[in-house]
Amino acid sequence: METPCRNLCALDRERKNCTGCGRTIEEIVHWRSMTDAERAAVMARVRDFQPAARPSPFPPPVRRTPPSA
């Protein structure tokens, strides 16, 4: 079964859509029980979806200036 999932699963701030594939929570939850036509419609809608940039889990590096002589 084809799926738009990119394994970048995260919800947007409103907790309505996946920022990885663009599907709604309802579409994700019911994906396996949807008809082929329903899945095809979702696939067409999210075909050009661009995943959101994921922030790094690491803090930015601390830049220290060398002591002046």
N, C-alpha and C. Protein backbone atom coordinates (compact mmCIF):
# COMPACT_ATOMS: atom_id res chain seq x y z
N MET A 1 0.85 -1.17 0.00
CA MET A 1 0.00 0.00 0.00
C MET A 1 0.89 1.23 0.00
N GLU A 2 0.70 2.09 -0.97
CA GLU A 2 1.47 3.32 -1.07
C GLU A 2 1.03 4.29 0.02
N THR A 3 1.97 5.05 0.53
CA THR A 3 1.68 6.03 1.57
C THR A 3 2.56 7.25 1.37
N PRO A 4 2.07 8.43 1.72
CA PRO A 4 2.91 9.62 1.60
C PRO A 4 3.87 9.80 2.79
N CYS A 5 3.81 8.91 3.76
CA CYS A 5 4.65 9.03 4.96
C CYS A 5 6.12 9.06 4.58
N ARG A 6 6.85 9.97 5.20
CA ARG A 6 8.29 10.11 4.95
C ARG A 6 9.11 9.83 6.21
N ASN A 7 8.43 9.31 7.22
CA ASN A 7 9.07 9.04 8.51
C ASN A 7 9.68 10.29 9.13
N LEU A 8 8.99 11.41 8.93
CA LEU A 8 9.36 12.69 9.54
C LEU A 8 8.19 13.17 10.39
N CYS A 9 7.56 12.26 11.07
CA CYS A 9 6.29 12.51 11.74
C CYS A 9 6.41 13.53 12.88
N ALA A 10 5.62 14.57 12.76
CA ALA A 10 5.48 15.59 13.80
C ALA A 10 4.22 16.38 13.46
N LEU A 11 3.55 16.85 14.47
CA LEU A 11 2.32 17.62 14.24
C LEU A 11 2.62 19.11 14.24
N ASP A 12 1.83 19.84 13.46
CA ASP A 12 1.97 21.29 13.46
C ASP A 12 1.46 21.86 14.78
N ARG A 13 1.59 23.14 14.96
CA ARG A 13 1.22 23.77 16.24
C ARG A 13 -0.24 23.59 16.59
N GLU A 14 -1.09 23.52 15.58
CA GLU A 14 -2.53 23.34 15.83
C GLU A 14 -2.88 21.87 16.06
N ARG A 15 -1.88 21.00 15.91
CA ARG A 15 -2.05 19.55 16.07
C ARG A 15 -3.10 19.00 15.10
N LYS A 16 -3.10 19.52 13.87
CA LYS A 16 -4.07 19.10 12.86
C LYS A 16 -3.41 18.37 11.70
N ASN A 17 -2.18 18.72 11.37
CA ASN A 17 -1.51 18.15 10.20
C ASN A 17 -0.11 17.68 10.54
N CYS A 18 0.34 16.67 9.80
CA CYS A 18 1.71 16.19 9.95
C CYS A 18 2.62 17.12 9.16
N THR A 19 3.69 17.58 9.78
CA THR A 19 4.62 18.47 9.09
C THR A 19 5.57 17.68 8.19
N GLY A 20 5.53 16.35 8.27
CA GLY A 20 6.37 15.51 7.43
C GLY A 20 5.73 15.15 6.11
N CYS A 21 4.41 14.83 6.13
CA CYS A 21 3.75 14.38 4.90
C CYS A 21 2.57 15.24 4.47
N GLY A 22 2.04 16.07 5.36
CA GLY A 22 0.93 16.95 5.01
C GLY A 22 -0.45 16.39 5.27
N ARG A 23 -0.53 15.12 5.70
CA ARG A 23 -1.85 14.55 5.97
C ARG A 23 -2.42 15.09 7.27
N THR A 24 -3.76 15.07 7.34
CA THR A 24 -4.42 15.45 8.58
C THR A 24 -4.34 14.28 9.56
N ILE A 25 -4.60 14.56 10.82
CA ILE A 25 -4.62 13.50 11.83
C ILE A 25 -5.65 12.44 11.44
N GLU A 26 -6.81 12.87 10.99
CA GLU A 26 -7.85 11.92 10.60
C GLU A 26 -7.38 11.02 9.46
N GLU A 27 -6.70 11.58 8.49
CA GLU A 27 -6.19 10.79 7.37
C GLU A 27 -5.16 9.78 7.84
N ILE A 28 -4.30 10.18 8.75
CA ILE A 28 -3.28 9.27 9.27
C ILE A 28 -3.94 8.13 10.05
N VAL A 29 -4.85 8.47 10.93
CA VAL A 29 -5.51 7.47 11.78
C VAL A 29 -6.29 6.46 10.95
N HIS A 30 -6.96 6.93 9.92
CA HIS A 30 -7.85 6.06 9.14
C HIS A 30 -7.24 5.56 7.84
N TRP A 31 -5.94 5.77 7.64
CA TRP A 31 -5.30 5.44 6.37
C TRP A 31 -5.58 4.00 5.92
N ARG A 32 -5.40 3.03 6.79
CA ARG A 32 -5.57 1.63 6.41
C ARG A 32 -7.01 1.27 6.09
N SER A 33 -7.96 1.98 6.64
CA SER A 33 -9.37 1.65 6.40
C SER A 33 -9.98 2.49 5.26
N MET A 34 -9.20 3.40 4.70
CA MET A 34 -9.70 4.22 3.59
C MET A 34 -9.77 3.37 2.32
N THR A 35 -10.67 3.76 1.42
CA THR A 35 -10.75 3.08 0.13
C THR A 35 -9.56 3.52 -0.72
N ASP A 36 -9.32 2.77 -1.80
CA ASP A 36 -8.24 3.15 -2.71
C ASP A 36 -8.47 4.55 -3.28
N ALA A 37 -9.72 4.87 -3.59
CA ALA A 37 -10.03 6.19 -4.14
C ALA A 37 -9.76 7.29 -3.11
N GLU A 38 -10.11 7.05 -1.84
CA GLU A 38 -9.86 8.04 -0.79
C GLU A 38 -8.36 8.25 -0.61
N ARG A 39 -7.59 7.15 -0.58
CA ARG A 39 -6.13 7.28 -0.44
C ARG A 39 -5.54 7.99 -1.65
N ALA A 40 -6.04 7.70 -2.85
CA ALA A 40 -5.53 8.36 -4.06
C ALA A 40 -5.79 9.86 -4.00
N ALA A 41 -6.94 10.26 -3.48
CA ALA A 41 -7.25 11.69 -3.35
C ALA A 41 -6.28 12.36 -2.39
N VAL A 42 -5.97 11.70 -1.28
CA VAL A 42 -5.02 12.26 -0.32
C VAL A 42 -3.63 12.34 -0.96
N MET A 43 -3.23 11.27 -1.65
CA MET A 43 -1.92 11.25 -2.30
C MET A 43 -1.80 12.40 -3.30
N ALA A 44 -2.86 12.67 -4.05
CA ALA A 44 -2.84 13.76 -5.02
C ALA A 44 -2.73 15.12 -4.31
N ARG A 45 -3.42 15.25 -3.18
CA ARG A 45 -3.41 16.52 -2.45
C ARG A 45 -2.04 16.81 -1.85
N VAL A 46 -1.35 15.79 -1.34
CA VAL A 46 -0.07 16.01 -0.66
C VAL A 46 1.14 15.74 -1.56
N ARG A 47 0.90 15.45 -2.83
CA ARG A 47 1.98 15.08 -3.76
C ARG A 47 3.12 16.08 -3.74
N ASP A 48 2.83 17.36 -3.75
CA ASP A 48 3.87 18.39 -3.81
C ASP A 48 4.18 19.00 -2.44
N PHE A 49 3.71 18.36 -1.38
CA PHE A 49 3.93 18.88 -0.03
C PHE A 49 5.43 18.84 0.29
N GLN A 50 5.92 19.92 0.84
CA GLN A 50 7.32 20.00 1.25
C GLN A 50 7.38 19.92 2.77
N PRO A 51 8.09 18.93 3.30
CA PRO A 51 8.19 18.82 4.76
C PRO A 51 8.79 20.07 5.39
N ALA A 52 8.35 20.35 6.58
CA ALA A 52 8.90 21.48 7.33
C ALA A 52 10.33 21.15 7.73
N ALA A 53 11.15 22.17 7.82
CA ALA A 53 12.52 21.97 8.29
C ALA A 53 12.46 21.54 9.74
N ARG A 54 13.20 20.52 10.06
CA ARG A 54 13.22 20.04 11.44
C ARG A 54 14.36 20.71 12.19
N PRO A 55 14.05 21.25 13.36
CA PRO A 55 15.12 21.88 14.14
C PRO A 55 16.10 20.82 14.65
N SER A 56 17.31 21.22 14.80
CA SER A 56 18.32 20.31 15.33
C SER A 56 18.03 20.01 16.79
N PRO A 57 18.23 18.76 17.22
CA PRO A 57 18.02 18.43 18.64
C PRO A 57 19.16 18.94 19.52
N PHE A 58 20.21 19.47 18.89
CA PHE A 58 21.38 19.92 19.64
C PHE A 58 21.38 21.45 19.73
N PRO A 59 21.82 21.99 20.87
CA PRO A 59 21.87 23.45 20.98
C PRO A 59 22.95 24.01 20.05
N PRO A 60 22.81 25.26 19.66
CA PRO A 60 23.84 25.84 18.79
C PRO A 60 25.16 25.93 19.54
N PRO A 61 26.27 25.89 18.81
CA PRO A 61 27.57 25.95 19.48
C PRO A 61 27.79 27.31 20.14
N VAL A 62 28.48 27.29 21.25
CA VAL A 62 28.83 28.52 21.95
C VAL A 62 30.13 29.03 21.36
N ARG A 63 30.11 30.26 20.90
CA ARG A 63 31.32 30.84 20.31
C ARG A 63 32.00 31.70 21.36
N ARG A 64 33.18 31.32 21.64
CA ARG A 64 33.96 32.05 22.64
C ARG A 64 35.08 32.80 21.91
N THR A 65 35.30 34.02 22.34
CA THR A 65 36.41 34.77 21.78
C THR A 65 37.63 34.52 22.66
N PRO A 66 38.77 34.39 22.05
CA PRO A 66 39.99 34.16 22.84
C PRO A 66 40.30 35.39 23.70
N PRO A 67 40.87 35.17 24.87
CA PRO A 67 41.21 36.33 25.71
C PRO A 67 42.24 37.22 25.01
N SER A 68 42.09 38.51 25.16
CA SER A 68 43.04 39.43 24.54
C SER A 68 44.29 39.53 25.40
N ALA A 69 45.41 39.71 24.72
CA ALA A 69 46.69 39.72 25.43
C ALA A 69 47.09 41.08 25.89
